[in-house]
Amino acid sequence: MSDDAESQASLSLAHSLAPAPLPNHTLPQQTFVLQTASFDARFPNTNQSRHCFQAYVDYFKCVNHKGEDFPACKTFYRTYHSLCPNEWIAKWDEQREANKFPAKLE
């Protein structure tokens, strides 16, 4: 095979392995706002387990006094969902339903 034929064969092989061009679609832009628990001076440099538990308690106290739609309640909700493991939340929910939760939520 001549050099010209070899380069033509390798060029044709490279062309067949090249990815197909993407369709000229424009995807709609979506904006996501990612938030996590904000700084709480009561828990400056400690393990966040206490912050998690306190946010859970504060959320249910807030809901009992102000209702779920109150902005501060939503902040507590986001905080405990951000900090607490799902297993803890499920356990605490079960304890609340059985009236065996270790904190007062009134």
C-alpha atoms as a PDB file:
ATOM      1  CA  MET A   1       0.000   0.000   0.000  1.00  0.00           C
ATOM      2  CA  SER A   2       1.384   3.396  -0.881  1.00  0.00           C
ATOM      3  CA  ASP A   3       1.788   6.250   1.612  1.00  0.00           C
ATOM      4  CA  ASP A   4      -1.012   8.114  -0.099  1.00  0.00           C
ATOM      5  CA  ALA A   5      -3.362   5.133   0.142  1.00  0.00           C
ATOM      6  CA  GLU A   6      -2.433   4.551   3.825  1.00  0.00           C
ATOM      7  CA  SER A   7      -3.116   8.153   4.788  1.00  0.00           C
ATOM      8  CA  GLN A   8      -6.420   8.032   2.866  1.00  0.00           C
ATOM      9  CA  ALA A   9      -7.410   4.800   4.693  1.00  0.00           C
ATOM     10  CA  SER A  10      -6.509   6.187   8.131  1.00  0.00           C
ATOM     11  CA  LEU A  11      -8.351   9.436   7.337  1.00  0.00           C
ATOM     12  CA  SER A  12     -11.449   7.491   6.342  1.00  0.00           C
ATOM     13  CA  LEU A  13     -11.216   5.353   9.515  1.00  0.00           C
ATOM     14  CA  ALA A  14     -10.843   8.459  11.709  1.00  0.00           C
ATOM     15  CA  HIS A  15     -13.820  10.048   9.988  1.00  0.00           C
ATOM     16  CA  SER A  16     -15.990   6.973  10.628  1.00  0.00           C
ATOM     17  CA  LEU A  17     -15.046   7.009  14.358  1.00  0.00           C
ATOM     18  CA  ALA A  18     -15.800  10.697  14.836  1.00  0.00           C
ATOM     19  CA  PRO A  19     -18.941  11.426  16.841  1.00  0.00           C
ATOM     20  CA  ALA A  20     -21.982  12.534  14.942  1.00  0.00           C
ATOM     21  CA  PRO A  21     -22.690  16.251  15.159  1.00  0.00           C
ATOM     22  CA  LEU A  22     -25.214  17.210  17.813  1.00  0.00           C
ATOM     23  CA  PRO A  23     -28.600  18.427  16.658  1.00  0.00           C
ATOM     24  CA  ASN A  24     -28.989  22.173  16.699  1.00  0.00           C
ATOM     25  CA  HIS A  25     -31.523  22.244  19.562  1.00  0.00           C
ATOM     26  CA  THR A  26     -31.607  24.827  22.258  1.00  0.00           C
ATOM     27  CA  LEU A  27     -32.564  23.517  25.665  1.00  0.00           C
ATOM     28  CA  PRO A  28     -34.639  25.724  27.947  1.00  0.00           C
ATOM     29  CA  GLN A  29     -32.596  27.409  30.647  1.00  0.00           C
ATOM     30  CA  GLN A  30     -33.418  26.273  34.177  1.00  0.00           C
ATOM     31  CA  THR A  31     -32.188  28.075  37.232  1.00  0.00           C
ATOM     32  CA  PHE A  32     -31.684  26.206  40.485  1.00  0.00           C
ATOM     33  CA  VAL A  33     -31.034  27.845  43.814  1.00  0.00           C
ATOM     34  CA  LEU A  34     -29.072  25.604  46.133  1.00  0.00           C
ATOM     35  CA  GLN A  35     -29.316  26.472  49.797  1.00  0.00           C
ATOM     36  CA  THR A  36     -28.043  24.918  52.964  1.00  0.00           C
ATOM     37  CA  ALA A  37     -28.326  25.762  56.619  1.00  0.00           C
ATOM     38  CA  SER A  38     -27.165  29.264  57.442  1.00  0.00           C
ATOM     39  CA  PHE A  39     -24.724  30.102  60.209  1.00  0.00           C
ATOM     40  CA  ASP A  40     -26.129  29.834  63.729  1.00  0.00           C
ATOM     41  CA  ALA A  41     -24.063  31.506  66.457  1.00  0.00           C
ATOM     42  CA  ARG A  42     -25.318  28.956  68.999  1.00  0.00           C
ATOM     43  CA  PHE A  43     -23.350  26.247  67.149  1.00  0.00           C
ATOM     44  CA  PRO A  44     -20.116  27.965  66.010  1.00  0.00           C
ATOM     45  CA  ASN A  45     -17.543  25.180  65.712  1.00  0.00           C
ATOM     46  CA  THR A  46     -19.331  22.124  66.988  1.00  0.00           C
ATOM     47  CA  ASN A  47     -20.712  18.965  65.572  1.00  0.00           C
ATOM     48  CA  GLN A  48     -23.889  19.900  63.702  1.00  0.00           C
ATOM     49  CA  SER A  49     -25.966  17.118  65.322  1.00  0.00           C
ATOM     50  CA  ARG A  50     -27.275  19.493  67.968  1.00  0.00           C
ATOM     51  CA  HIS A  51     -28.031  22.120  65.348  1.00  0.00           C
ATOM     52  CA  CYS A  52     -29.952  19.480  63.396  1.00  0.00           C
ATOM     53  CA  PHE A  53     -32.014  18.426  66.424  1.00  0.00           C
ATOM     54  CA  GLN A  54     -32.675  22.023  67.492  1.00  0.00           C
ATOM     55  CA  ALA A  55     -33.857  22.986  63.988  1.00  0.00           C
ATOM     56  CA  TYR A  56     -36.222  19.974  63.995  1.00  0.00           C
ATOM     57  CA  VAL A  57     -37.650  21.007  67.376  1.00  0.00           C
ATOM     58  CA  ASP A  58     -37.846  24.685  66.360  1.00  0.00           C
ATOM     59  CA  TYR A  59     -39.701  23.778  63.157  1.00  0.00           C
ATOM     60  CA  PHE A  60     -42.463  21.906  64.963  1.00  0.00           C
ATOM     61  CA  LYS A  61     -42.733  24.564  67.680  1.00  0.00           C
ATOM     62  CA  CYS A  62     -43.023  27.208  64.959  1.00  0.00           C
ATOM     63  CA  VAL A  63     -45.665  25.243  63.042  1.00  0.00           C
ATOM     64  CA  ASN A  64     -47.690  24.757  66.239  1.00  0.00           C
ATOM     65  CA  HIS A  65     -47.642  28.511  66.936  1.00  0.00           C
ATOM     66  CA  LYS A  66     -47.542  30.168  63.490  1.00  0.00           C
ATOM     67  CA  GLY A  67     -48.499  27.559  60.871  1.00  0.00           C
ATOM     68  CA  GLU A  68     -46.504  25.896  58.101  1.00  0.00           C
ATOM     69  CA  ASP A  69     -46.541  28.903  55.763  1.00  0.00           C
ATOM     70  CA  PHE A  70     -44.735  31.241  58.162  1.00  0.00           C
ATOM     71  CA  PRO A  71     -41.308  32.143  56.630  1.00  0.00           C
ATOM     72  CA  ALA A  72     -39.295  31.311  59.765  1.00  0.00           C
ATOM     73  CA  CYS A  73     -40.887  27.848  59.860  1.00  0.00           C
ATOM     74  CA  LYS A  74     -39.785  27.234  56.286  1.00  0.00           C
ATOM     75  CA  THR A  75     -36.226  28.210  57.274  1.00  0.00           C
ATOM     76  CA  PHE A  76     -36.227  25.698  60.143  1.00  0.00           C
ATOM     77  CA  TYR A  77     -37.610  23.051  57.753  1.00  0.00           C
ATOM     78  CA  ARG A  78     -34.832  23.651  55.203  1.00  0.00           C
ATOM     79  CA  THR A  79     -32.236  23.663  57.977  1.00  0.00           C
ATOM     80  CA  TYR A  80     -33.174  20.347  59.524  1.00  0.00           C
ATOM     81  CA  HIS A  81     -33.613  18.708  56.119  1.00  0.00           C
ATOM     82  CA  SER A  82     -30.171  19.958  55.159  1.00  0.00           C
ATOM     83  CA  LEU A  83     -28.385  18.880  58.347  1.00  0.00           C
ATOM     84  CA  CYS A  84     -30.218  15.795  59.612  1.00  0.00           C
ATOM     85  CA  PRO A  85     -29.854  12.280  58.181  1.00  0.00           C
ATOM     86  CA  ASN A  86     -33.140  10.954  56.792  1.00  0.00           C
ATOM     87  CA  GLU A  87     -33.051   8.043  59.243  1.00  0.00           C
ATOM     88  CA  TRP A  88     -33.072  10.440  62.191  1.00  0.00           C
ATOM     89  CA  ILE A  89     -35.980  12.415  60.756  1.00  0.00           C
ATOM     90  CA  ALA A  90     -37.984   9.215  60.208  1.00  0.00           C
ATOM     91  CA  LYS A  91     -37.253   8.050  63.764  1.00  0.00           C
ATOM     92  CA  TRP A  92     -38.217  11.405  65.264  1.00  0.00           C
ATOM     93  CA  ASP A  93     -41.419  11.495  63.187  1.00  0.00           C
ATOM     94  CA  GLU A  94     -42.366   8.067  64.541  1.00  0.00           C
ATOM     95  CA  GLN A  95     -41.605   9.206  68.094  1.00  0.00           C
ATOM     96  CA  ARG A  96     -43.729  12.343  67.652  1.00  0.00           C
ATOM     97  CA  GLU A  97     -46.662  10.308  66.331  1.00  0.00           C
ATOM     98  CA  ALA A  98     -46.382   7.940  69.321  1.00  0.00           C
ATOM     99  CA  ASN A  99     -46.081  10.906  71.760  1.00  0.00           C
ATOM    100  CA  LYS A 100     -42.642   9.666  72.823  1.00  0.00           C
ATOM    101  CA  PHE A 101     -40.490  12.444  71.389  1.00  0.00           C
ATOM    102  CA  PRO A 102     -37.891  13.590  73.989  1.00  0.00           C
ATOM    103  CA  ALA A 103     -38.557  17.362  73.614  1.00  0.00           C
ATOM    104  CA  LYS A 104     -41.626  19.535  74.126  1.00  0.00           C
ATOM    105  CA  LEU A 105     -42.989  20.833  70.844  1.00  0.00           C
ATOM    106  CA  GLU A 106     -45.724  23.136  72.190  1.00  0.00           C
END
